[in-house]
Amino acid sequence: MKKMTIRSMSRLLIGVVLSAVLVLSGCGGTTSSSSSSADNPVTDSTTVVDTKTASDLSQIPAYSGDPYVALNGNKPNFSDSDLTTKSYEHYSDLDSLGRCGTAMACIGKDTMPKSGEKRGSISEVKPTGWHNARYDFVDGKMVYNRCHLIAHELTDENANEKNLITGTRSMNVDGMLPFENMVADYIKETGNHVIYRVTPIFQGNELVARGVQMEGESVEDKGDGVLFNVYCYNVEPGVTIDYATGYTCADGTGGSSSSSSSSAASTSSSSSQDETVQTYVINKRNKKFHKPDCSGVAHMSEANKQTVNAKRSDLINQGYSPCGICKP
């Protein structure tokens, strides 16, 4: 065996050190071919549900603080024919109640806004259930955002009524945005395409979606870069939502609403709510009664609105019924 000289040993050691540095810095030959796009928001701690879709809400666990759960092992439900590299966008027609349906697209650099282009105004669109209200404890103060099903940063869509739903600030920012950013970063870094589908999930004839199902899969690398199937909850901590109408009220766990009335205190300490005299606002036209801090009060006409001190049982006996968020 040929003896190794001190010079050759030094060269070998230098080579080993350089190889280790390259591997640790991500420059070595063993690194993944995928881009350095944002990490998938779905982690080992994310709740995973067996169901493939969120269409049956009974299969979705109740909201417990996490903004989303993974469906079907986080694997989307695209068919082979869906996985095209030809960019397109499709938005469902509004249904008979004016609600949005599924939006689907093959997203590429050509569908995204040009560098430096700002989003246009969307304030003229009033999605179903749009009864916004201000709460000081909500990020941004307003409980609702006009939520794009497919984000502006992905398709350059602005005031498209087929692409905007009434969504809570939390769903928009904590639920949907991480996945939108992941897709945008991946496409910018690779130039590849992502098949993307968002489905709002309504219960019955309710005007506000209970949540949205988001699916995404990168095409050229067969899901190595982007792969997810999640359900995002349309909730706002501290706020009770009447999904049938869109009216809201603070539930007492998040703080006070800046728009709430200071006269909402009960005048009796009776343990039975039905027999406690309280302040209510009644709507003489539709025979509904509301708590003073209910967002529905702000949308009543003065001609139909009346503030009363009464027992719930008395109002019910007079033919009134509580609004959807004032039932408790």
Protein backbone atom coordinates (compact mmCIF):
# COMPACT_ATOMS: atom_id res chain seq x y z
CA MET A 1 0.00 0.00 0.00
CA LYS A 2 1.29 3.40 -0.95
CA LYS A 3 2.14 5.55 2.06
CA MET A 4 0.18 8.82 2.47
CA THR A 5 2.35 11.94 2.71
CA ILE A 6 1.63 14.80 5.10
CA ARG A 7 0.66 16.96 2.08
CA SER A 8 -1.86 14.39 0.78
CA MET A 9 -3.31 13.93 4.26
CA SER A 10 -3.80 17.68 4.52
CA ARG A 11 -5.58 17.78 1.17
CA LEU A 12 -7.88 14.95 2.25
CA LEU A 13 -8.78 16.69 5.52
CA ILE A 14 -9.48 19.95 3.69
CA GLY A 15 -11.75 18.11 1.25
CA VAL A 16 -13.70 16.46 4.07
CA VAL A 17 -14.17 19.79 5.84
CA LEU A 18 -15.33 21.54 2.64
CA SER A 19 -17.80 18.74 1.87
CA ALA A 20 -19.29 19.01 5.35
CA VAL A 21 -19.64 22.77 4.99
CA LEU A 22 -21.37 22.39 1.62
CA VAL A 23 -23.83 19.83 2.95
CA LEU A 24 -24.67 21.88 6.03
CA SER A 25 -25.19 25.02 3.92
CA GLY A 26 -27.44 23.22 1.45
CA CYS A 27 -24.93 23.45 -1.43
CA GLY A 28 -23.90 19.82 -1.64
CA GLY A 29 -25.00 17.23 -4.16
CA THR A 30 -27.30 15.52 -1.66
CA THR A 31 -29.73 18.43 -1.33
CA SER A 32 -33.27 18.19 -2.61
CA SER A 33 -34.07 19.45 -6.11
CA SER A 34 -37.09 21.35 -4.79
CA SER A 35 -36.96 25.09 -4.22
CA SER A 36 -36.53 26.85 -0.89
CA SER A 37 -40.16 27.92 -0.85
CA ALA A 38 -42.06 28.43 2.41
CA ASP A 39 -42.55 25.37 4.54
CA ASN A 40 -45.90 23.60 4.37
CA PRO A 41 -48.06 25.00 7.19
CA VAL A 42 -49.34 21.46 7.87
CA THR A 43 -47.07 19.98 10.54
CA ASP A 44 -46.99 16.82 12.62
CA SER A 45 -49.11 18.58 15.23
CA THR A 46 -51.90 19.44 12.76
CA THR A 47 -55.14 17.51 13.28
CA VAL A 48 -55.72 15.09 10.41
CA VAL A 49 -59.23 13.97 9.42
CA ASP A 50 -59.87 10.83 7.32
CA THR A 51 -62.56 12.39 5.12
CA LYS A 52 -61.48 13.50 1.64
CA THR A 53 -63.77 16.52 1.50
CA ALA A 54 -65.41 18.93 3.92
CA SER A 55 -68.83 18.71 2.24
CA ASP A 56 -70.18 16.70 5.21
CA LEU A 57 -69.56 19.01 8.15
CA SER A 58 -70.41 16.23 10.60
CA GLN A 59 -67.05 14.69 9.67
CA ILE A 60 -65.15 17.84 10.63
CA PRO A 61 -64.16 18.24 14.30
CA ALA A 62 -65.48 21.28 16.12
CA TYR A 63 -63.19 24.29 16.16
CA SER A 64 -60.82 24.05 19.13
CA GLY A 65 -58.34 26.85 18.50
CA ASP A 66 -56.42 25.61 15.45
CA PRO A 67 -57.28 27.60 12.29
CA TYR A 68 -57.36 24.50 10.04
CA VAL A 69 -57.31 20.71 9.97
CA ALA A 70 -55.81 18.44 7.30
CA LEU A 71 -58.12 16.20 5.27
CA ASN A 72 -57.36 12.83 3.68
CA GLY A 73 -53.81 12.68 5.01
CA ASN A 74 -53.24 16.16 3.55
CA LYS A 75 -53.59 14.73 0.03
CA PRO A 76 -55.80 16.66 -2.44
CA ASN A 77 -58.47 15.00 -4.58
CA PHE A 78 -57.29 15.99 -8.04
CA SER A 79 -57.63 13.55 -10.94
CA ASP A 80 -54.79 12.93 -13.39
CA SER A 81 -56.61 15.02 -15.99
CA ASP A 82 -56.61 17.99 -13.58
CA LEU A 83 -52.82 18.10 -13.44
CA THR A 84 -52.15 20.34 -16.42
CA THR A 85 -49.41 22.89 -16.95
CA LYS A 86 -51.67 25.15 -18.99
CA SER A 87 -52.68 28.11 -16.83
CA TYR A 88 -56.39 28.82 -16.40
CA GLU A 89 -58.96 30.09 -13.88
CA HIS A 90 -62.54 28.94 -13.33
CA TYR A 91 -65.10 30.45 -10.96
CA SER A 92 -68.50 28.90 -10.34
CA ASP A 93 -71.64 30.90 -11.02
CA LEU A 94 -73.40 32.28 -7.94
CA ASP A 95 -76.20 30.04 -6.71
CA SER A 96 -79.85 31.06 -6.23
CA LEU A 97 -78.95 32.66 -2.88
CA GLY A 98 -76.07 34.60 -4.41
CA ARG A 99 -73.40 32.40 -2.80
CA CYS A 100 -70.04 31.54 -4.32
CA GLY A 101 -69.14 28.02 -5.38
CA THR A 102 -65.86 26.24 -6.07
CA ALA A 103 -63.00 28.20 -7.62
CA MET A 104 -60.24 26.26 -9.38
CA ALA A 105 -57.13 27.28 -11.29
CA CYS A 106 -53.82 26.16 -12.67
CA ILE A 107 -51.62 28.89 -11.26
CA GLY A 108 -48.38 29.96 -12.88
CA LYS A 109 -46.28 33.08 -13.13
CA ASP A 110 -48.52 34.28 -15.97
CA THR A 111 -51.63 34.34 -13.75
CA MET A 112 -49.97 36.32 -10.94
CA PRO A 113 -49.82 40.12 -10.63
CA LYS A 114 -46.88 41.84 -12.25
CA SER A 115 -44.11 42.93 -9.91
CA GLY A 116 -45.11 46.06 -7.99
CA GLU A 117 -48.76 45.88 -9.06
CA LYS A 118 -51.15 46.67 -6.21
CA ARG A 119 -54.54 45.11 -5.61
CA GLY A 120 -57.51 47.10 -6.84
CA SER A 121 -60.55 48.07 -4.81
CA ILE A 122 -62.99 45.33 -3.83
CA SER A 123 -65.17 47.40 -1.48
CA GLU A 124 -68.08 47.51 -3.94
CA VAL A 125 -68.65 43.75 -3.59
CA LYS A 126 -71.05 42.72 -0.83
CA PRO A 127 -70.83 38.92 -0.43
CA THR A 128 -73.75 37.04 1.10
CA GLY A 129 -74.00 37.56 4.85
CA TRP A 130 -71.96 40.77 4.72
CA HIS A 131 -72.95 42.46 7.99
CA ASN A 132 -69.61 43.67 9.26
CA ALA A 133 -69.04 44.79 12.84
CA ARG A 134 -66.15 46.29 14.78
CA TYR A 135 -64.59 44.58 17.81
CA ASP A 136 -61.56 46.09 19.51
CA PHE A 137 -60.09 42.65 20.31
CA VAL A 138 -60.11 41.50 16.66
CA ASP A 139 -56.94 41.99 14.63
CA GLY A 140 -57.75 44.86 12.28
CA LYS A 141 -60.87 45.63 14.39
CA MET A 142 -63.40 44.46 11.78
CA VAL A 143 -64.69 40.91 12.20
CA TYR A 144 -65.11 40.25 8.47
CA ASN A 145 -62.88 40.51 5.43
CA ARG A 146 -63.89 40.10 1.82
CA CYS A 147 -62.02 36.82 1.40
CA HIS A 148 -60.76 35.82 -2.02
CA LEU A 149 -61.28 32.14 -2.67
CA ILE A 150 -58.21 32.30 -4.91
CA ALA A 151 -55.96 35.06 -3.61
CA HIS A 152 -55.10 38.18 -5.56
CA GLU A 153 -51.40 37.32 -5.26
CA LEU A 154 -52.07 34.13 -7.24
CA THR A 155 -54.48 35.24 -9.98
CA ASP A 156 -54.56 39.06 -9.95
CA GLU A 157 -58.31 38.94 -9.25
CA ASN A 158 -59.89 42.01 -7.74
CA ALA A 159 -63.63 42.74 -7.46
CA ASN A 160 -64.84 39.40 -8.85
CA GLU A 161 -68.07 38.60 -7.00
CA LYS A 162 -67.65 34.91 -7.90
CA ASN A 163 -64.37 34.89 -5.97
CA LEU A 164 -65.23 36.80 -2.78
CA ILE A 165 -66.96 35.45 0.32
CA THR A 166 -67.69 36.81 3.79
CA GLY A 167 -64.83 35.47 5.88
CA THR A 168 -63.55 36.25 9.34
CA ARG A 169 -60.29 38.05 9.85
CA SER A 170 -58.90 34.92 11.53
CA MET A 171 -59.80 32.61 8.64
CA ASN A 172 -58.34 35.03 6.11
CA VAL A 173 -55.03 35.62 7.92
CA ASP A 174 -54.42 32.56 10.08
CA GLY A 175 -56.21 29.95 8.00
CA MET A 176 -55.86 30.75 4.30
CA LEU A 177 -52.90 33.11 4.01
CA PRO A 178 -50.13 30.63 4.96
CA PHE A 179 -51.15 28.32 2.10
CA GLU A 180 -51.54 31.20 -0.34
CA ASN A 181 -48.06 32.46 0.50
CA MET A 182 -46.59 28.98 0.18
CA VAL A 183 -48.00 28.59 -3.34
CA ALA A 184 -46.90 32.09 -4.40
CA ASP A 185 -43.36 31.61 -3.08
CA TYR A 186 -43.03 28.20 -4.75
CA ILE A 187 -44.13 29.48 -8.17
CA LYS A 188 -41.90 32.55 -7.99
CA GLU A 189 -38.87 30.41 -7.13
CA THR A 190 -39.43 27.52 -9.55
CA GLY A 191 -41.56 28.83 -12.41
CA ASN A 192 -43.66 25.67 -12.02
CA HIS A 193 -47.45 25.38 -11.88
CA VAL A 194 -49.81 24.55 -9.02
CA ILE A 195 -53.31 23.13 -9.38
CA TYR A 196 -55.38 24.98 -6.80
CA ARG A 197 -58.98 24.59 -5.67
CA VAL A 198 -60.97 26.35 -2.95
CA THR A 199 -64.50 25.29 -2.03
CA PRO A 200 -66.65 27.33 0.39
CA ILE A 201 -68.65 25.04 2.66
CA PHE A 202 -72.17 26.28 3.43
CA GLN A 203 -74.64 24.51 5.70
CA GLY A 204 -78.16 24.41 4.29
CA ASN A 205 -79.29 27.87 3.17
CA GLU A 206 -76.89 29.77 5.42
CA LEU A 207 -75.38 32.88 3.86
CA VAL A 208 -71.98 32.69 5.55
CA ALA A 209 -69.72 29.70 4.88
CA ARG A 210 -68.75 27.57 7.85
CA GLY A 211 -65.29 27.29 6.34
CA VAL A 212 -63.37 26.62 3.14
CA GLN A 213 -61.61 23.56 1.80
CA MET A 214 -58.27 24.38 0.17
CA GLU A 215 -56.39 21.96 -2.08
CA GLY A 216 -53.08 22.43 -3.88
CA GLU A 217 -50.60 20.30 -5.78
CA SER A 218 -47.50 21.29 -7.74
CA VAL A 219 -47.60 19.77 -11.22
CA GLU A 220 -44.11 19.46 -12.68
CA ASP A 221 -42.63 17.80 -9.59
CA LYS A 222 -45.74 15.73 -8.80
CA GLY A 223 -46.46 17.36 -5.45
CA ASP A 224 -42.91 17.41 -4.10
CA GLY A 225 -43.02 21.20 -3.79
CA VAL A 226 -46.67 21.83 -2.85
CA LEU A 227 -49.21 19.34 -1.57
CA PHE A 228 -52.10 20.08 0.79
CA ASN A 229 -55.77 19.44 1.49
CA VAL A 230 -57.09 21.43 4.45
CA TYR A 231 -60.31 22.79 5.92
CA CYS A 232 -60.07 26.32 7.35
CA TYR A 233 -62.64 27.32 9.98
CA ASN A 234 -64.61 30.52 9.35
CA VAL A 235 -64.61 31.59 12.99
CA GLU A 236 -63.42 34.54 15.04
CA PRO A 237 -62.40 33.89 18.67
CA GLY A 238 -64.54 35.95 21.00
CA VAL A 239 -67.32 36.44 18.46
CA THR A 240 -70.55 34.48 17.94
CA ILE A 241 -71.63 34.30 14.30
CA ASP A 242 -75.13 33.67 13.01
CA TYR A 243 -74.16 31.90 9.81
CA ALA A 244 -77.72 32.14 8.51
CA THR A 245 -77.56 35.93 8.33
CA GLY A 246 -74.00 37.07 9.02
CA TYR A 247 -74.90 39.04 12.14
CA THR A 248 -72.45 38.76 15.03
CA CYS A 249 -72.04 39.61 18.69
CA ALA A 250 -69.24 39.38 21.24
CA ASP A 251 -69.45 36.21 23.30
CA GLY A 252 -67.67 37.70 26.30
CA THR A 253 -64.41 35.74 25.94
CA GLY A 254 -62.50 38.09 23.69
CA GLY A 255 -63.10 41.52 25.17
CA SER A 256 -65.59 44.26 24.52
CA SER A 257 -66.99 45.46 21.23
CA SER A 258 -66.50 49.16 20.63
CA SER A 259 -69.93 49.27 19.00
CA SER A 260 -71.77 47.57 21.83
CA SER A 261 -74.28 49.37 24.00
CA SER A 262 -73.46 50.18 27.61
CA SER A 263 -77.09 49.63 28.62
CA ALA A 264 -77.07 45.88 28.07
CA ALA A 265 -76.89 44.98 31.74
CA SER A 266 -79.62 42.92 33.27
CA THR A 267 -81.86 44.50 35.91
CA SER A 268 -82.32 41.26 37.78
CA SER A 269 -80.02 38.59 39.19
CA SER A 270 -82.46 35.76 38.57
CA SER A 271 -80.76 32.52 37.56
CA SER A 272 -83.45 31.83 34.98
CA GLN A 273 -82.72 33.86 31.86
CA ASP A 274 -86.30 33.61 30.62
CA GLU A 275 -87.50 35.24 33.83
CA THR A 276 -84.82 37.93 34.00
CA VAL A 277 -85.79 41.44 32.95
CA GLN A 278 -83.19 42.57 30.45
CA THR A 279 -82.71 45.23 27.79
CA TYR A 280 -83.58 44.03 24.30
CA VAL A 281 -83.97 45.68 20.92
CA ILE A 282 -86.99 44.42 19.04
CA ASN A 283 -87.64 44.54 15.32
CA LYS A 284 -91.36 45.23 14.91
CA ARG A 285 -91.30 44.23 11.24
CA ASN A 286 -89.87 40.69 11.43
CA LYS A 287 -90.78 40.08 15.12
CA LYS A 288 -87.19 39.33 16.18
CA PHE A 289 -85.54 40.52 19.38
CA HIS A 290 -81.84 41.18 19.86
CA LYS A 291 -79.36 41.87 22.60
CA PRO A 292 -78.20 45.51 22.35
CA ASP A 293 -74.65 44.51 21.30
CA CYS A 294 -75.85 42.29 18.44
CA SER A 295 -74.59 43.56 15.08
CA GLY A 296 -78.08 43.05 13.67
CA VAL A 297 -79.28 46.10 15.60
CA ALA A 298 -77.16 48.43 13.46
CA HIS A 299 -78.96 47.24 10.34
CA MET A 300 -82.51 47.89 11.56
CA SER A 301 -84.46 50.84 10.27
CA GLU A 302 -85.41 53.36 12.95
CA ALA A 303 -89.09 52.89 12.10
CA ASN A 304 -88.95 49.19 13.02
CA LYS A 305 -86.57 49.41 15.99
CA GLN A 306 -87.63 49.70 19.62
CA THR A 307 -85.63 49.25 22.84
CA VAL A 308 -87.52 47.52 25.65
CA ASN A 309 -86.89 46.14 29.13
CA ALA A 310 -88.61 42.78 29.29
CA LYS A 311 -88.37 39.10 30.09
CA ARG A 312 -87.50 36.79 27.21
CA SER A 313 -90.53 34.68 28.05
CA ASP A 314 -92.81 37.71 27.78
CA LEU A 315 -91.41 38.66 24.39
CA ILE A 316 -91.82 35.10 23.15
CA ASN A 317 -95.42 35.06 24.40
CA GLN A 318 -96.00 38.25 22.43
CA GLY A 319 -94.93 36.47 19.23
CA TYR A 320 -91.29 37.57 19.11
CA SER A 321 -88.38 35.17 18.67
CA PRO A 322 -84.64 35.65 19.34
CA CYS A 323 -82.36 36.32 16.40
CA GLY A 324 -79.95 33.56 15.40
CA ILE A 325 -77.06 34.78 17.55
CA CYS A 326 -79.18 35.86 20.53
CA LYS A 327 -80.71 32.44 21.20
CA PRO A 328 -78.54 31.54 24.23
